[in-house]
Amino acid sequence: MMPDKQRIAARFAAATPHYDRHAEAQKIIHGELDKWLALYASERVAKILEIGCGTGLFSRLLAQRFPQAKLVLNDLDAACAPDWPYNRPSETEYRFGDAEAIDLGRGYDIIASASALQWLARPDVFVRHAAQRLVSDGLLLFNTFTPDNLHPIRALTGRGLHYPAAAEWAAWLHRDYDILALEQHTITLAFDTPRDALRHLQYTGVTATNTGFVWTKQHLQNFETQYRAHHALPDGRVSLDYTPLYIAARKK
């Protein structure tokens, strides 16, 4: 099923007021990507493109690490534009719209993305186009997720995104990039109840895939019973696993 970009934009716009407070896993992911920037980015970075900037949590890390670089920030909808808490010493440009359809420019030293590329309809085509936008030896740094991501939600509702496996990403990147690193991690969050896990997903926009699904009272009761049966923690809470896939690749 092709992603419904309008639905995705609407769900993330609705989640914007709650996002930063509930994005625990995303903040861990941003920290890991920032470490990878320290390892793999060139000393001189003049221009950066971020795909899926959202509320700007990762954008701020990019701005702090590369204060003199021009930032070009992309997201589906202007409703999620970052509200910068300070004046940046270098230029920031916004290019709102579908990253698979609009002109995002060229000449980037880094193209980065945090937890956004899983929403693409054709990620294989996107990475080829990204290579054309990068300078020679430019860095593509991003995370997506493995097929095991949010498994209990997917298993119990029958709904969720299609996440390409690590081997698929490696095959897509091979033509235009040297893969510097590719790692799969697990982030386990704990919630008091299964409903709290669902609210967490709603507040971070992850429910943008729930096309046509209606939570009846019976659905919710069955979900809670099954969730507790299979994902209860010793302290009585329940777990939810994110499985980010981190990739750093340098343009050949």
C-alpha atoms as a PDB file:
ATOM      1  CA  MET A   1       0.000   0.000   0.000  1.00  0.00           C
ATOM      2  CA  MET A   2       1.344   3.425  -0.988  1.00  0.00           C
ATOM      3  CA  PRO A   3       1.660   5.940   1.856  1.00  0.00           C
ATOM      4  CA  ASP A   4      -1.160   8.483   2.046  1.00  0.00           C
ATOM      5  CA  LYS A   5       0.929  11.649   2.292  1.00  0.00           C
ATOM      6  CA  GLN A   6      -2.040  13.881   3.145  1.00  0.00           C
ATOM      7  CA  ARG A   7      -3.034  11.615   6.022  1.00  0.00           C
ATOM      8  CA  ILE A   8       0.557  11.471   7.253  1.00  0.00           C
ATOM      9  CA  ALA A   9       0.845  15.264   7.202  1.00  0.00           C
ATOM     10  CA  ALA A  10      -2.474  15.679   9.021  1.00  0.00           C
ATOM     11  CA  ARG A  11      -1.618  13.157  11.740  1.00  0.00           C
ATOM     12  CA  PHE A  12       1.798  14.675  12.420  1.00  0.00           C
ATOM     13  CA  ALA A  13       0.346  18.185  12.448  1.00  0.00           C
ATOM     14  CA  ALA A  14      -2.203  17.021  15.034  1.00  0.00           C
ATOM     15  CA  ALA A  15       0.576  15.442  17.103  1.00  0.00           C
ATOM     16  CA  THR A  16       2.808  18.538  17.024  1.00  0.00           C
ATOM     17  CA  PRO A  17       1.648  20.027  20.384  1.00  0.00           C
ATOM     18  CA  HIS A  18       2.455  16.742  22.170  1.00  0.00           C
ATOM     19  CA  TYR A  19       5.367  15.452  20.112  1.00  0.00           C
ATOM     20  CA  ASP A  20       8.427  16.783  21.920  1.00  0.00           C
ATOM     21  CA  ARG A  21       7.158  15.633  25.327  1.00  0.00           C
ATOM     22  CA  HIS A  22       6.366  12.077  24.213  1.00  0.00           C
ATOM     23  CA  ALA A  23       9.167  11.411  21.706  1.00  0.00           C
ATOM     24  CA  GLU A  24      11.377   9.412  24.080  1.00  0.00           C
ATOM     25  CA  ALA A  25      12.543   6.891  21.496  1.00  0.00           C
ATOM     26  CA  GLN A  26      13.071   9.581  18.888  1.00  0.00           C
ATOM     27  CA  LYS A  27      15.325  11.544  21.240  1.00  0.00           C
ATOM     28  CA  ILE A  28      17.472   8.444  21.785  1.00  0.00           C
ATOM     29  CA  ILE A  29      17.661   8.021  18.015  1.00  0.00           C
ATOM     30  CA  HIS A  30      18.665  11.657  17.556  1.00  0.00           C
ATOM     31  CA  GLY A  31      21.463  11.226  20.075  1.00  0.00           C
ATOM     32  CA  GLU A  32      22.775   8.195  18.212  1.00  0.00           C
ATOM     33  CA  LEU A  33      22.673  10.008  14.882  1.00  0.00           C
ATOM     34  CA  ASP A  34      24.536  12.916  16.453  1.00  0.00           C
ATOM     35  CA  LYS A  35      27.290  10.510  17.545  1.00  0.00           C
ATOM     36  CA  TRP A  36      27.511   9.229  13.998  1.00  0.00           C
ATOM     37  CA  LEU A  37      27.821  12.774  12.701  1.00  0.00           C
ATOM     38  CA  ALA A  38      30.849  13.204  14.943  1.00  0.00           C
ATOM     39  CA  LEU A  39      32.347  10.027  13.485  1.00  0.00           C
ATOM     40  CA  TYR A  40      31.591  10.405   9.793  1.00  0.00           C
ATOM     41  CA  ALA A  41      30.967  14.047   8.873  1.00  0.00           C
ATOM     42  CA  SER A  42      33.739  16.038   7.219  1.00  0.00           C
ATOM     43  CA  GLU A  43      35.458  18.807   9.152  1.00  0.00           C
ATOM     44  CA  ARG A  44      34.105  21.419   6.766  1.00  0.00           C
ATOM     45  CA  VAL A  45      30.349  21.316   6.305  1.00  0.00           C
ATOM     46  CA  ALA A  46      28.752  24.216   4.454  1.00  0.00           C
ATOM     47  CA  LYS A  47      25.289  22.967   3.508  1.00  0.00           C
ATOM     48  CA  ILE A  48      22.950  20.380   5.055  1.00  0.00           C
ATOM     49  CA  LEU A  49      19.572  19.027   3.970  1.00  0.00           C
ATOM     50  CA  GLU A  50      17.310  17.434   6.566  1.00  0.00           C
ATOM     51  CA  ILE A  51      14.387  15.334   5.354  1.00  0.00           C
ATOM     52  CA  GLY A  52      11.403  15.244   7.703  1.00  0.00           C
ATOM     53  CA  CYS A  53      12.458  17.939  10.158  1.00  0.00           C
ATOM     54  CA  GLY A  54       9.200  17.772  12.126  1.00  0.00           C
ATOM     55  CA  THR A  55       9.276  19.929  15.251  1.00  0.00           C
ATOM     56  CA  GLY A  56      13.037  20.411  14.911  1.00  0.00           C
ATOM     57  CA  LEU A  57      14.438  18.153  17.647  1.00  0.00           C
ATOM     58  CA  PHE A  58      17.113  16.757  15.338  1.00  0.00           C
ATOM     59  CA  SER A  59      17.414  20.071  13.479  1.00  0.00           C
ATOM     60  CA  ARG A  60      18.652  21.678  16.685  1.00  0.00           C
ATOM     61  CA  LEU A  61      21.382  19.058  17.048  1.00  0.00           C
ATOM     62  CA  LEU A  62      22.464  19.708  13.465  1.00  0.00           C
ATOM     63  CA  ALA A  63      22.526  23.451  14.130  1.00  0.00           C
ATOM     64  CA  GLN A  64      24.575  23.011  17.292  1.00  0.00           C
ATOM     65  CA  ARG A  65      27.107  20.686  15.678  1.00  0.00           C
ATOM     66  CA  PHE A  66      27.456  22.758  12.489  1.00  0.00           C
ATOM     67  CA  PRO A  67      26.724  26.363  13.552  1.00  0.00           C
ATOM     68  CA  GLN A  68      28.136  27.906  10.372  1.00  0.00           C
ATOM     69  CA  ALA A  69      26.371  25.581   7.928  1.00  0.00           C
ATOM     70  CA  LYS A  70      23.311  26.495   5.923  1.00  0.00           C
ATOM     71  CA  LEU A  71      20.382  24.275   6.928  1.00  0.00           C
ATOM     72  CA  VAL A  72      17.706  23.375   4.405  1.00  0.00           C
ATOM     73  CA  LEU A  73      14.800  21.814   6.289  1.00  0.00           C
ATOM     74  CA  ASN A  74      12.115  19.771   4.590  1.00  0.00           C
ATOM     75  CA  ASP A  75       8.828  18.453   5.914  1.00  0.00           C
ATOM     76  CA  LEU A  76       5.481  17.559   4.406  1.00  0.00           C
ATOM     77  CA  ASP A  77       3.646  20.388   6.140  1.00  0.00           C
ATOM     78  CA  ALA A  78       4.599  23.849   7.373  1.00  0.00           C
ATOM     79  CA  ALA A  79       2.567  23.201  10.541  1.00  0.00           C
ATOM     80  CA  CYS A  80       5.574  21.301  11.895  1.00  0.00           C
ATOM     81  CA  ALA A  81       8.133  24.048  11.263  1.00  0.00           C
ATOM     82  CA  PRO A  82      10.718  24.205  14.059  1.00  0.00           C
ATOM     83  CA  ASP A  83      10.398  27.127  16.446  1.00  0.00           C
ATOM     84  CA  TRP A  84      14.044  28.032  16.953  1.00  0.00           C
ATOM     85  CA  PRO A  85      14.818  29.020  20.568  1.00  0.00           C
ATOM     86  CA  TYR A  86      17.686  31.227  19.440  1.00  0.00           C
ATOM     87  CA  ASN A  87      18.903  33.094  16.377  1.00  0.00           C
ATOM     88  CA  ARG A  88      21.045  30.908  14.157  1.00  0.00           C
ATOM     89  CA  PRO A  89      24.289  32.519  12.968  1.00  0.00           C
ATOM     90  CA  SER A  90      23.829  30.915   9.546  1.00  0.00           C
ATOM     91  CA  GLU A  91      20.964  30.742   7.107  1.00  0.00           C
ATOM     92  CA  THR A  92      18.023  28.377   7.539  1.00  0.00           C
ATOM     93  CA  GLU A  93      15.773  27.652   4.561  1.00  0.00           C
ATOM     94  CA  TYR A  94      12.509  25.704   4.521  1.00  0.00           C
ATOM     95  CA  ARG A  95      11.299  23.593   1.613  1.00  0.00           C
ATOM     96  CA  PHE A  96       7.923  22.195   2.558  1.00  0.00           C
ATOM     97  CA  GLY A  97       6.296  19.422   0.552  1.00  0.00           C
ATOM     98  CA  ASP A  98       6.711  15.799  -0.450  1.00  0.00           C
ATOM     99  CA  ALA A  99      10.449  15.039  -0.489  1.00  0.00           C
ATOM    100  CA  GLU A 100       9.851  12.560  -3.308  1.00  0.00           C
ATOM    101  CA  ALA A 101       8.223  15.193  -5.525  1.00  0.00           C
ATOM    102  CA  ILE A 102       9.627  18.686  -4.905  1.00  0.00           C
ATOM    103  CA  ASP A 103      12.954  20.264  -5.856  1.00  0.00           C
ATOM    104  CA  LEU A 104      15.231  19.985  -2.828  1.00  0.00           C
ATOM    105  CA  GLY A 105      18.288  21.541  -4.435  1.00  0.00           C
ATOM    106  CA  ARG A 106      21.854  20.285  -4.779  1.00  0.00           C
ATOM    107  CA  GLY A 107      25.339  20.775  -3.444  1.00  0.00           C
ATOM    108  CA  TYR A 108      24.831  19.306   0.030  1.00  0.00           C
ATOM    109  CA  ASP A 109      27.691  18.116   2.202  1.00  0.00           C
ATOM    110  CA  ILE A 110      25.228  16.137   4.334  1.00  0.00           C
ATOM    111  CA  ILE A 111      21.739  14.805   3.755  1.00  0.00           C
ATOM    112  CA  ALA A 112      20.304  13.649   7.067  1.00  0.00           C
ATOM    113  CA  SER A 113      17.007  12.248   8.241  1.00  0.00           C
ATOM    114  CA  ALA A 114      15.714  11.019  11.595  1.00  0.00           C
ATOM    115  CA  SER A 115      12.807   8.561  11.636  1.00  0.00           C
ATOM    116  CA  ALA A 116      11.258   9.830   8.410  1.00  0.00           C
ATOM    117  CA  LEU A 117      12.344   7.738   5.427  1.00  0.00           C
ATOM    118  CA  GLN A 118       9.985   4.883   6.368  1.00  0.00           C
ATOM    119  CA  TRP A 119       7.158   7.089   5.077  1.00  0.00           C
ATOM    120  CA  LEU A 120       8.571   7.191   1.535  1.00  0.00           C
ATOM    121  CA  ALA A 121       6.756   5.428  -1.292  1.00  0.00           C
ATOM    122  CA  ARG A 122       9.987   4.629  -3.191  1.00  0.00           C
ATOM    123  CA  PRO A 123      12.996   4.706  -0.854  1.00  0.00           C
ATOM    124  CA  ASP A 124      15.136   3.014  -3.516  1.00  0.00           C
ATOM    125  CA  VAL A 125      14.557   5.920  -5.897  1.00  0.00           C
ATOM    126  CA  PHE A 126      15.021   8.449  -3.119  1.00  0.00           C
ATOM    127  CA  VAL A 127      18.556   7.299  -2.242  1.00  0.00           C
ATOM    128  CA  ARG A 128      19.565   7.512  -5.914  1.00  0.00           C
ATOM    129  CA  HIS A 129      18.250  11.062  -6.123  1.00  0.00           C
ATOM    130  CA  ALA A 130      19.978  11.912  -2.834  1.00  0.00           C
ATOM    131  CA  ALA A 131      23.317  10.947  -4.386  1.00  0.00           C
ATOM    132  CA  GLN A 132      22.689  13.498  -7.143  1.00  0.00           C
ATOM    133  CA  ARG A 133      22.069  16.180  -4.517  1.00  0.00           C
ATOM    134  CA  LEU A 134      25.269  15.461  -2.575  1.00  0.00           C
ATOM    135  CA  VAL A 135      28.699  16.873  -3.333  1.00  0.00           C
ATOM    136  CA  SER A 136      31.518  14.454  -4.073  1.00  0.00           C
ATOM    137  CA  ASP A 137      32.207  12.428  -0.897  1.00  0.00           C
ATOM    138  CA  GLY A 138      29.017  13.837   0.647  1.00  0.00           C
ATOM    139  CA  LEU A 139      27.434  12.009   3.580  1.00  0.00           C
ATOM    140  CA  LEU A 140      23.991  10.392   3.671  1.00  0.00           C
ATOM    141  CA  LEU A 141      23.084   9.737   7.306  1.00  0.00           C
ATOM    142  CA  PHE A 142      19.708   8.505   8.461  1.00  0.00           C
ATOM    143  CA  ASN A 143      17.717   6.019  10.419  1.00  0.00           C
ATOM    144  CA  THR A 144      14.663   4.071   9.478  1.00  0.00           C
ATOM    145  CA  PHE A 145      13.304   0.960  11.208  1.00  0.00           C
ATOM    146  CA  THR A 146      13.528  -2.813  10.784  1.00  0.00           C
ATOM    147  CA  PRO A 147      10.561  -5.107  10.047  1.00  0.00           C
ATOM    148  CA  ASP A 148      10.362  -5.903  13.791  1.00  0.00           C
ATOM    149  CA  ASN A 149       9.546  -2.304  14.696  1.00  0.00           C
ATOM    150  CA  LEU A 150       6.513  -1.904  17.006  1.00  0.00           C
ATOM    151  CA  HIS A 151       5.825  -5.602  16.512  1.00  0.00           C
ATOM    152  CA  PRO A 152       3.113  -6.014  19.184  1.00  0.00           C
ATOM    153  CA  ILE A 153       1.045  -3.202  17.690  1.00  0.00           C
ATOM    154  CA  ARG A 154       1.390  -4.611  14.192  1.00  0.00           C
ATOM    155  CA  ALA A 155       0.659  -8.176  15.328  1.00  0.00           C
ATOM    156  CA  LEU A 156      -2.455  -7.303  17.315  1.00  0.00           C
ATOM    157  CA  THR A 157      -3.986  -4.746  14.935  1.00  0.00           C
ATOM    158  CA  GLY A 158      -2.827  -6.122  11.588  1.00  0.00           C
ATOM    159  CA  ARG A 159      -1.767  -2.615  10.581  1.00  0.00           C
ATOM    160  CA  GLY A 160       1.515  -0.822  10.180  1.00  0.00           C
ATOM    161  CA  LEU A 161       4.155   0.317   7.736  1.00  0.00           C
ATOM    162  CA  HIS A 162       6.214  -1.913   5.493  1.00  0.00           C
ATOM    163  CA  TYR A 163       9.804  -1.612   6.703  1.00  0.00           C
ATOM    164  CA  PRO A 164      12.458  -2.755   4.211  1.00  0.00           C
ATOM    165  CA  ALA A 165      15.119  -5.023   5.688  1.00  0.00           C
ATOM    166  CA  ALA A 166      18.729  -3.933   6.165  1.00  0.00           C
ATOM    167  CA  ALA A 167      19.810  -6.025   3.171  1.00  0.00           C
ATOM    168  CA  GLU A 168      17.394  -4.139   0.917  1.00  0.00           C
ATOM    169  CA  TRP A 169      18.789  -0.782   2.002  1.00  0.00           C
ATOM    170  CA  ALA A 170      22.339  -2.046   1.436  1.00  0.00           C
ATOM    171  CA  ALA A 171      21.434  -3.180  -2.083  1.00  0.00           C
ATOM    172  CA  TRP A 172      19.845   0.176  -2.918  1.00  0.00           C
ATOM    173  CA  LEU A 173      22.839   2.122  -1.630  1.00  0.00           C
ATOM    174  CA  HIS A 174      25.531  -0.036  -3.216  1.00  0.00           C
ATOM    175  CA  ARG A 175      25.512   1.619  -6.642  1.00  0.00           C
ATOM    176  CA  ASP A 176      26.123   5.201  -5.547  1.00  0.00           C
ATOM    177  CA  TYR A 177      27.599   4.959  -2.038  1.00  0.00           C
ATOM    178  CA  ASP A 178      30.205   3.337   0.128  1.00  0.00           C
ATOM    179  CA  ILE A 179      28.389   2.135   3.251  1.00  0.00           C
ATOM    180  CA  LEU A 180      30.337   3.350   6.280  1.00  0.00           C
ATOM    181  CA  ALA A 181      28.132   1.783   8.935  1.00  0.00           C
ATOM    182  CA  LEU A 182      24.834  -0.065   9.194  1.00  0.00           C
ATOM    183  CA  GLU A 183      23.513  -1.050  12.618  1.00  0.00           C
ATOM    184  CA  GLN A 184      20.249  -2.334  14.057  1.00  0.00           C
ATOM    185  CA  HIS A 185      19.388  -1.314  17.630  1.00  0.00           C
ATOM    186  CA  THR A 186      16.473  -1.920  20.008  1.00  0.00           C
ATOM    187  CA  ILE A 187      14.866   0.745  22.196  1.00  0.00           C
ATOM    188  CA  THR A 188      12.430  -0.613  24.793  1.00  0.00           C
ATOM    189  CA  LEU A 189       9.900   1.749  26.339  1.00  0.00           C
ATOM    190  CA  ALA A 190       7.696   0.875  29.323  1.00  0.00           C
ATOM    191  CA  PHE A 191       4.105   2.013  29.833  1.00  0.00           C
ATOM    192  CA  ASP A 192       1.658   1.589  32.689  1.00  0.00           C
ATOM    193  CA  THR A 193      -1.036   0.173  30.408  1.00  0.00           C
ATOM    194  CA  PRO A 194      -1.475  -0.902  26.770  1.00  0.00           C
ATOM    195  CA  ARG A 195      -3.677   2.159  26.279  1.00  0.00           C
ATOM    196  CA  ASP A 196      -0.763   4.344  27.336  1.00  0.00           C
ATOM    197  CA  ALA A 197       1.335   2.691  24.628  1.00  0.00           C
ATOM    198  CA  LEU A 198      -1.349   3.560  22.072  1.00  0.00           C
ATOM    199  CA  ARG A 199      -1.522   7.156  23.306  1.00  0.00           C
ATOM    200  CA  HIS A 200       2.253   7.417  22.973  1.00  0.00           C
ATOM    201  CA  LEU A 201       1.980   6.393  19.320  1.00  0.00           C
ATOM    202  CA  GLN A 202      -0.833   8.862  18.738  1.00  0.00           C
ATOM    203  CA  TYR A 203       1.112  11.718  20.334  1.00  0.00           C
ATOM    204  CA  THR A 204       4.155  11.014  18.152  1.00  0.00           C
ATOM    205  CA  GLY A 205       2.264  10.670  14.860  1.00  0.00           C
ATOM    206  CA  VAL A 206       2.953   6.971  14.372  1.00  0.00           C
ATOM    207  CA  THR A 207      -0.760   6.186  13.920  1.00  0.00           C
ATOM    208  CA  ALA A 208      -0.720   7.910  10.528  1.00  0.00           C
ATOM    209  CA  THR A 209      -1.021   4.446   8.945  1.00  0.00           C
ATOM    210  CA  ASN A 210      -4.332   3.571  10.613  1.00  0.00           C
ATOM    211  CA  THR A 211      -6.410   4.048   7.467  1.00  0.00           C
ATOM    212  CA  GLY A 212     -10.001   2.988   8.053  1.00  0.00           C
ATOM    213  CA  PHE A 213      -9.333   1.310  11.402  1.00  0.00           C
ATOM    214  CA  VAL A 214     -11.850   2.034  14.154  1.00  0.00           C
ATOM    215  CA  TRP A 215     -11.149   1.116  17.774  1.00  0.00           C
ATOM    216  CA  THR A 216     -14.406  -0.329  19.093  1.00  0.00           C
ATOM    217  CA  LYS A 217     -14.792  -1.088  22.791  1.00  0.00           C
ATOM    218  CA  GLN A 218     -14.422  -4.810  22.076  1.00  0.00           C
ATOM    219  CA  HIS A 219     -11.326  -4.243  19.914  1.00  0.00           C
ATOM    220  CA  LEU A 220      -9.728  -2.252  22.699  1.00  0.00           C
ATOM    221  CA  GLN A 221     -10.527  -4.817  25.391  1.00  0.00           C
ATOM    222  CA  ASN A 222      -9.134  -7.657  23.281  1.00  0.00           C
ATOM    223  CA  PHE A 223      -6.050  -5.611  22.480  1.00  0.00           C
ATOM    224  CA  GLU A 224      -5.351  -4.859  26.144  1.00  0.00           C
ATOM    225  CA  THR A 225      -5.798  -8.502  27.165  1.00  0.00           C
ATOM    226  CA  GLN A 226      -3.516  -9.837  24.435  1.00  0.00           C
ATOM    227  CA  TYR A 227      -0.935  -7.111  24.934  1.00  0.00           C
ATOM    228  CA  ARG A 228      -0.608  -7.825  28.644  1.00  0.00           C
ATOM    229  CA  ALA A 229      -0.448 -11.563  27.997  1.00  0.00           C
ATOM    230  CA  HIS A 230       2.572 -11.241  25.717  1.00  0.00           C
ATOM    231  CA  HIS A 231       4.365  -8.015  26.671  1.00  0.00           C
ATOM    232  CA  ALA A 232       4.032  -7.629  30.444  1.00  0.00           C
ATOM    233  CA  LEU A 233       7.105  -6.573  32.426  1.00  0.00           C
ATOM    234  CA  PRO A 234       7.962  -7.889  35.920  1.00  0.00           C
ATOM    235  CA  ASP A 235       6.907  -4.575  37.495  1.00  0.00           C
ATOM    236  CA  GLY A 236       3.410  -4.800  36.002  1.00  0.00           C
ATOM    237  CA  ARG A 237       3.974  -2.377  33.156  1.00  0.00           C
ATOM    238  CA  VAL A 238       4.047  -3.330  29.469  1.00  0.00           C
ATOM    239  CA  SER A 239       6.839  -2.933  26.921  1.00  0.00           C
ATOM    240  CA  LEU A 240       6.996  -1.513  23.415  1.00  0.00           C
ATOM    241  CA  ASP A 241      10.066  -1.957  21.222  1.00  0.00           C
ATOM    242  CA  TYR A 242      11.363   0.399  18.571  1.00  0.00           C
ATOM    243  CA  THR A 243      13.998  -1.179  16.317  1.00  0.00           C
ATOM    244  CA  PRO A 244      15.869   1.638  14.559  1.00  0.00           C
ATOM    245  CA  LEU A 245      18.165   0.873  11.658  1.00  0.00           C
ATOM    246  CA  TYR A 246      21.025   3.399  11.396  1.00  0.00           C
ATOM    247  CA  ILE A 247      22.890   3.910   8.136  1.00  0.00           C
ATOM    248  CA  ALA A 248      25.839   6.119   7.207  1.00  0.00           C
ATOM    249  CA  ALA A 249      26.936   6.128   3.563  1.00  0.00           C
ATOM    250  CA  ARG A 250      29.388   8.263   1.617  1.00  0.00           C
ATOM    251  CA  LYS A 251      28.794   9.163  -2.014  1.00  0.00           C
ATOM    252  CA  LYS A 252      31.254   7.435  -4.316  1.00  0.00           C
END
